[in-house]
Amino acid sequence: MNNEIKDFALEYRASSVETTVKKLCEAVNHKIAYKSGTTDVLTDSATVFRQQSGVCQDIAHVFIAALRTLKIPARYVAGYVSGLQLSHAWTEVYYNGYWHGYDATENICELTHYIKIVHGRDASDCPLNRAFSRAIRVKYLKTKILQQSPHRAPAFFTS
């Protein structure tokens, strides 16, 4: 556990878990700037916190670390945002009997246009665009998101 992240998280503790999470989401969003090329897959949340920059994966990791220091259950999520062809990372937080999505990168608390593909403890549990073969070679998968109206049944239901 990183003491800097813990001290930061304690500043935003509120009377309810939901209020704490919303305040902390906003605080992480203001603290960590989105900047590609400043981190890699091995950069830990303490480094990101100190340098105050990273990508969505890093920002989600800092948010998760802060939540966990407050004993609030949190997990990493990878997927897509509707309308964008790039993968994205965000956080789910457990309270009031449900997992709730939060995007600290964008400071969004209601994730209505997010398409969840996988969740886990952190990014290493969620290899969204890579798979490993027996020879440990990395293979990249090309993905395309097709969105369909929620009021229209998929084609295989209409035959």
C-alpha atoms as a PDB file:
ATOM      1  CA  MET A   1       0.000   0.000   0.000  1.00  0.00           C
ATOM      2  CA  ASN A   2       1.345   3.418  -0.963  1.00  0.00           C
ATOM      3  CA  ASN A   3       1.151   6.013   1.826  1.00  0.00           C
ATOM      4  CA  GLU A   4       0.913   8.939  -0.612  1.00  0.00           C
ATOM      5  CA  ILE A   5      -2.178   7.423  -2.257  1.00  0.00           C
ATOM      6  CA  LYS A   6      -3.630   6.497   1.130  1.00  0.00           C
ATOM      7  CA  ASP A   7      -3.213  10.050   2.490  1.00  0.00           C
ATOM      8  CA  PHE A   8      -4.733  11.424  -0.709  1.00  0.00           C
ATOM      9  CA  ALA A   9      -7.729   9.059  -0.463  1.00  0.00           C
ATOM     10  CA  LEU A  10      -8.354   9.906   3.202  1.00  0.00           C
ATOM     11  CA  GLU A  11      -8.908  13.557   2.240  1.00  0.00           C
ATOM     12  CA  TYR A  12     -12.044  12.545   0.325  1.00  0.00           C
ATOM     13  CA  ARG A  13     -13.659  10.183   2.825  1.00  0.00           C
ATOM     14  CA  ALA A  14     -17.300  11.190   3.278  1.00  0.00           C
ATOM     15  CA  SER A  15     -20.296  10.016   5.298  1.00  0.00           C
ATOM     16  CA  SER A  16     -21.391   7.501   2.634  1.00  0.00           C
ATOM     17  CA  VAL A  17     -19.467   5.175   0.350  1.00  0.00           C
ATOM     18  CA  GLU A  18     -21.215   6.582  -2.729  1.00  0.00           C
ATOM     19  CA  THR A  19     -20.264  10.164  -1.860  1.00  0.00           C
ATOM     20  CA  THR A  20     -16.692   9.094  -1.085  1.00  0.00           C
ATOM     21  CA  VAL A  21     -16.401   7.317  -4.434  1.00  0.00           C
ATOM     22  CA  LYS A  22     -17.776  10.290  -6.402  1.00  0.00           C
ATOM     23  CA  LYS A  23     -15.457  12.742  -4.623  1.00  0.00           C
ATOM     24  CA  LEU A  24     -12.462  10.471  -5.099  1.00  0.00           C
ATOM     25  CA  CYS A  25     -13.286   9.932  -8.791  1.00  0.00           C
ATOM     26  CA  GLU A  26     -13.285  13.682  -9.344  1.00  0.00           C
ATOM     27  CA  ALA A  27     -10.098  14.143  -7.293  1.00  0.00           C
ATOM     28  CA  VAL A  28      -8.213  11.465  -9.264  1.00  0.00           C
ATOM     29  CA  ASN A  29      -9.441  13.048 -12.498  1.00  0.00           C
ATOM     30  CA  HIS A  30      -7.995  16.411 -11.410  1.00  0.00           C
ATOM     31  CA  LYS A  31      -4.770  14.902 -10.037  1.00  0.00           C
ATOM     32  CA  ILE A  32      -3.752  12.629 -12.950  1.00  0.00           C
ATOM     33  CA  ALA A  33      -3.582  14.160 -16.442  1.00  0.00           C
ATOM     34  CA  TYR A  34      -4.273  11.955 -19.448  1.00  0.00           C
ATOM     35  CA  LYS A  35      -1.021  11.887 -21.395  1.00  0.00           C
ATOM     36  CA  SER A  36       0.050   9.005 -23.612  1.00  0.00           C
ATOM     37  CA  GLY A  37       3.678   7.957 -23.754  1.00  0.00           C
ATOM     38  CA  THR A  38       4.402   8.726 -20.089  1.00  0.00           C
ATOM     39  CA  THR A  39       3.861   5.148 -18.873  1.00  0.00           C
ATOM     40  CA  ASP A  40       4.012   1.569 -20.071  1.00  0.00           C
ATOM     41  CA  VAL A  41       2.297  -1.656 -18.985  1.00  0.00           C
ATOM     42  CA  LEU A  42       4.792  -2.116 -16.134  1.00  0.00           C
ATOM     43  CA  THR A  43       4.288   1.335 -14.563  1.00  0.00           C
ATOM     44  CA  ASP A  44       2.712   1.004 -11.105  1.00  0.00           C
ATOM     45  CA  SER A  45       0.050   3.239  -9.570  1.00  0.00           C
ATOM     46  CA  ALA A  46       2.503   4.883  -7.129  1.00  0.00           C
ATOM     47  CA  THR A  47       4.675   6.066 -10.038  1.00  0.00           C
ATOM     48  CA  VAL A  48       1.654   7.356 -11.953  1.00  0.00           C
ATOM     49  CA  PHE A  49       0.462   9.163  -8.813  1.00  0.00           C
ATOM     50  CA  ARG A  50       3.856  10.840  -8.312  1.00  0.00           C
ATOM     51  CA  GLN A  51       4.309  11.868 -11.946  1.00  0.00           C
ATOM     52  CA  GLN A  52       0.621  12.902 -12.194  1.00  0.00           C
ATOM     53  CA  SER A  53       0.127  11.610 -15.732  1.00  0.00           C
ATOM     54  CA  GLY A  54      -0.794   8.435 -17.569  1.00  0.00           C
ATOM     55  CA  VAL A  55      -3.428   6.845 -19.759  1.00  0.00           C
ATOM     56  CA  CYS A  56      -6.852   5.438 -18.855  1.00  0.00           C
ATOM     57  CA  GLN A  57      -5.338   2.170 -17.587  1.00  0.00           C
ATOM     58  CA  ASP A  58      -3.072   4.102 -15.220  1.00  0.00           C
ATOM     59  CA  ILE A  59      -5.808   6.428 -14.012  1.00  0.00           C
ATOM     60  CA  ALA A  60      -8.062   3.446 -13.287  1.00  0.00           C
ATOM     61  CA  HIS A  61      -5.217   1.818 -11.318  1.00  0.00           C
ATOM     62  CA  VAL A  62      -4.684   4.945  -9.182  1.00  0.00           C
ATOM     63  CA  PHE A  63      -8.434   5.173  -8.524  1.00  0.00           C
ATOM     64  CA  ILE A  64      -8.573   1.489  -7.558  1.00  0.00           C
ATOM     65  CA  ALA A  65      -5.545   1.837  -5.259  1.00  0.00           C
ATOM     66  CA  ALA A  66      -7.126   4.849  -3.527  1.00  0.00           C
ATOM     67  CA  LEU A  67     -10.449   3.047  -3.065  1.00  0.00           C
ATOM     68  CA  ARG A  68      -8.791  -0.072  -1.702  1.00  0.00           C
ATOM     69  CA  THR A  69      -6.838   1.950   0.882  1.00  0.00           C
ATOM     70  CA  LEU A  70     -10.260   3.010   2.198  1.00  0.00           C
ATOM     71  CA  LYS A  71     -11.392  -0.654   2.210  1.00  0.00           C
ATOM     72  CA  ILE A  72     -13.857  -0.008  -0.622  1.00  0.00           C
ATOM     73  CA  PRO A  73     -14.009  -2.983  -3.038  1.00  0.00           C
ATOM     74  CA  ALA A  74     -12.978  -1.977  -6.562  1.00  0.00           C
ATOM     75  CA  ARG A  75     -12.063  -3.757  -9.782  1.00  0.00           C
ATOM     76  CA  TYR A  76     -10.550  -2.879 -13.136  1.00  0.00           C
ATOM     77  CA  VAL A  77     -12.751  -2.948 -16.257  1.00  0.00           C
ATOM     78  CA  ALA A  78     -11.756  -2.945 -19.917  1.00  0.00           C
ATOM     79  CA  GLY A  79     -14.050  -2.396 -22.856  1.00  0.00           C
ATOM     80  CA  TYR A  80     -15.186   0.244 -25.288  1.00  0.00           C
ATOM     81  CA  VAL A  81     -17.112   3.496 -25.253  1.00  0.00           C
ATOM     82  CA  SER A  82     -19.990   3.574 -27.713  1.00  0.00           C
ATOM     83  CA  GLY A  83     -19.019   5.501 -30.834  1.00  0.00           C
ATOM     84  CA  LEU A  84     -15.268   5.086 -30.357  1.00  0.00           C
ATOM     85  CA  GLN A  85     -13.170   2.333 -31.922  1.00  0.00           C
ATOM     86  CA  LEU A  86     -10.496   2.417 -29.210  1.00  0.00           C
ATOM     87  CA  SER A  87     -10.419   0.319 -26.075  1.00  0.00           C
ATOM     88  CA  HIS A  88     -10.849   2.052 -22.725  1.00  0.00           C
ATOM     89  CA  ALA A  89     -10.369   1.262 -19.036  1.00  0.00           C
ATOM     90  CA  TRP A  90     -12.495   2.276 -16.066  1.00  0.00           C
ATOM     91  CA  THR A  91     -13.384   1.089 -12.571  1.00  0.00           C
ATOM     92  CA  GLU A  92     -16.277  -0.696 -10.913  1.00  0.00           C
ATOM     93  CA  VAL A  93     -16.909  -0.115  -7.228  1.00  0.00           C
ATOM     94  CA  TYR A  94     -19.025  -2.363  -4.993  1.00  0.00           C
ATOM     95  CA  TYR A  95     -21.490  -0.767  -2.581  1.00  0.00           C
ATOM     96  CA  ASN A  96     -25.183  -1.065  -1.737  1.00  0.00           C
ATOM     97  CA  GLY A  97     -25.181  -4.626  -3.096  1.00  0.00           C
ATOM     98  CA  TYR A  98     -24.115  -3.781  -6.679  1.00  0.00           C
ATOM     99  CA  TRP A  99     -21.075  -2.993  -8.805  1.00  0.00           C
ATOM    100  CA  HIS A 100     -21.195   0.613 -10.041  1.00  0.00           C
ATOM    101  CA  GLY A 101     -19.080   1.921 -12.946  1.00  0.00           C
ATOM    102  CA  TYR A 102     -16.889   5.032 -12.632  1.00  0.00           C
ATOM    103  CA  ASP A 103     -14.541   6.542 -15.185  1.00  0.00           C
ATOM    104  CA  ALA A 104     -11.919   8.646 -13.385  1.00  0.00           C
ATOM    105  CA  THR A 105     -10.229   9.443 -16.717  1.00  0.00           C
ATOM    106  CA  GLU A 106     -13.292  11.418 -17.801  1.00  0.00           C
ATOM    107  CA  ASN A 107     -14.831  11.977 -14.327  1.00  0.00           C
ATOM    108  CA  ILE A 108     -18.043  10.202 -15.326  1.00  0.00           C
ATOM    109  CA  CYS A 109     -20.185   8.463 -12.722  1.00  0.00           C
ATOM    110  CA  GLU A 110     -23.011   7.165 -14.925  1.00  0.00           C
ATOM    111  CA  LEU A 111     -21.555   4.954 -17.634  1.00  0.00           C
ATOM    112  CA  THR A 112     -24.493   4.652 -19.999  1.00  0.00           C
ATOM    113  CA  HIS A 113     -22.474   4.355 -23.226  1.00  0.00           C
ATOM    114  CA  TYR A 114     -19.777   1.981 -21.997  1.00  0.00           C
ATOM    115  CA  ILE A 115     -19.446  -1.558 -23.328  1.00  0.00           C
ATOM    116  CA  LYS A 116     -17.817  -3.808 -20.756  1.00  0.00           C
ATOM    117  CA  ILE A 117     -15.804  -6.700 -22.140  1.00  0.00           C
ATOM    118  CA  VAL A 118     -13.853  -7.945 -19.103  1.00  0.00           C
ATOM    119  CA  HIS A 119     -13.114  -7.142 -15.462  1.00  0.00           C
ATOM    120  CA  GLY A 120     -10.454  -8.226 -12.993  1.00  0.00           C
ATOM    121  CA  ARG A 121      -8.186  -7.108 -10.172  1.00  0.00           C
ATOM    122  CA  ASP A 122      -6.111  -4.962 -12.520  1.00  0.00           C
ATOM    123  CA  ALA A 123      -5.095  -4.665 -16.186  1.00  0.00           C
ATOM    124  CA  SER A 124      -3.040  -7.852 -16.077  1.00  0.00           C
ATOM    125  CA  ASP A 125      -6.292  -9.783 -15.545  1.00  0.00           C
ATOM    126  CA  CYS A 126      -7.921  -8.097 -18.548  1.00  0.00           C
ATOM    127  CA  PRO A 127      -5.956  -8.654 -21.775  1.00  0.00           C
ATOM    128  CA  LEU A 128      -8.507  -7.004 -24.052  1.00  0.00           C
ATOM    129  CA  ASN A 129      -6.527  -6.863 -27.281  1.00  0.00           C
ATOM    130  CA  ARG A 130      -3.876  -9.508 -26.866  1.00  0.00           C
ATOM    131  CA  ALA A 131      -3.745 -13.250 -26.538  1.00  0.00           C
ATOM    132  CA  PHE A 132      -0.845 -15.514 -25.712  1.00  0.00           C
ATOM    133  CA  SER A 133      -0.019 -18.637 -27.638  1.00  0.00           C
ATOM    134  CA  ARG A 134       1.933 -21.596 -26.257  1.00  0.00           C
ATOM    135  CA  ALA A 135       5.141 -20.082 -27.650  1.00  0.00           C
ATOM    136  CA  ILE A 136       4.472 -16.905 -25.610  1.00  0.00           C
ATOM    137  CA  ARG A 137       4.231 -14.853 -28.770  1.00  0.00           C
ATOM    138  CA  VAL A 138       1.804 -11.958 -28.538  1.00  0.00           C
ATOM    139  CA  LYS A 139      -0.937 -11.873 -31.120  1.00  0.00           C
ATOM    140  CA  TYR A 140      -3.038  -8.745 -31.563  1.00  0.00           C
ATOM    141  CA  LEU A 141      -6.699  -8.981 -32.365  1.00  0.00           C
ATOM    142  CA  LYS A 142      -8.517  -6.391 -34.419  1.00  0.00           C
ATOM    143  CA  THR A 143     -11.889  -5.555 -32.967  1.00  0.00           C
ATOM    144  CA  LYS A 144     -14.860  -3.708 -34.365  1.00  0.00           C
ATOM    145  CA  ILE A 145     -17.842  -2.647 -32.294  1.00  0.00           C
ATOM    146  CA  LEU A 146     -21.202  -2.803 -33.997  1.00  0.00           C
ATOM    147  CA  GLN A 147     -23.932  -1.045 -32.115  1.00  0.00           C
ATOM    148  CA  GLN A 148     -27.540  -1.945 -32.640  1.00  0.00           C
ATOM    149  CA  SER A 149     -30.668  -0.161 -31.513  1.00  0.00           C
ATOM    150  CA  PRO A 150     -31.886  -1.558 -28.177  1.00  0.00           C
ATOM    151  CA  HIS A 151     -35.430  -1.578 -29.603  1.00  0.00           C
ATOM    152  CA  ARG A 152     -34.566  -3.846 -32.509  1.00  0.00           C
ATOM    153  CA  ALA A 153     -34.069  -7.564 -32.053  1.00  0.00           C
ATOM    154  CA  PRO A 154     -30.804  -9.071 -33.334  1.00  0.00           C
ATOM    155  CA  ALA A 155     -31.066 -10.601 -36.808  1.00  0.00           C
ATOM    156  CA  PHE A 156     -30.855 -14.165 -35.513  1.00  0.00           C
ATOM    157  CA  PHE A 157     -34.086 -13.610 -33.544  1.00  0.00           C
ATOM    158  CA  THR A 158     -36.064 -12.354 -36.534  1.00  0.00           C
ATOM    159  CA  SER A 159     -35.748 -15.255 -38.996  1.00  0.00           C
END
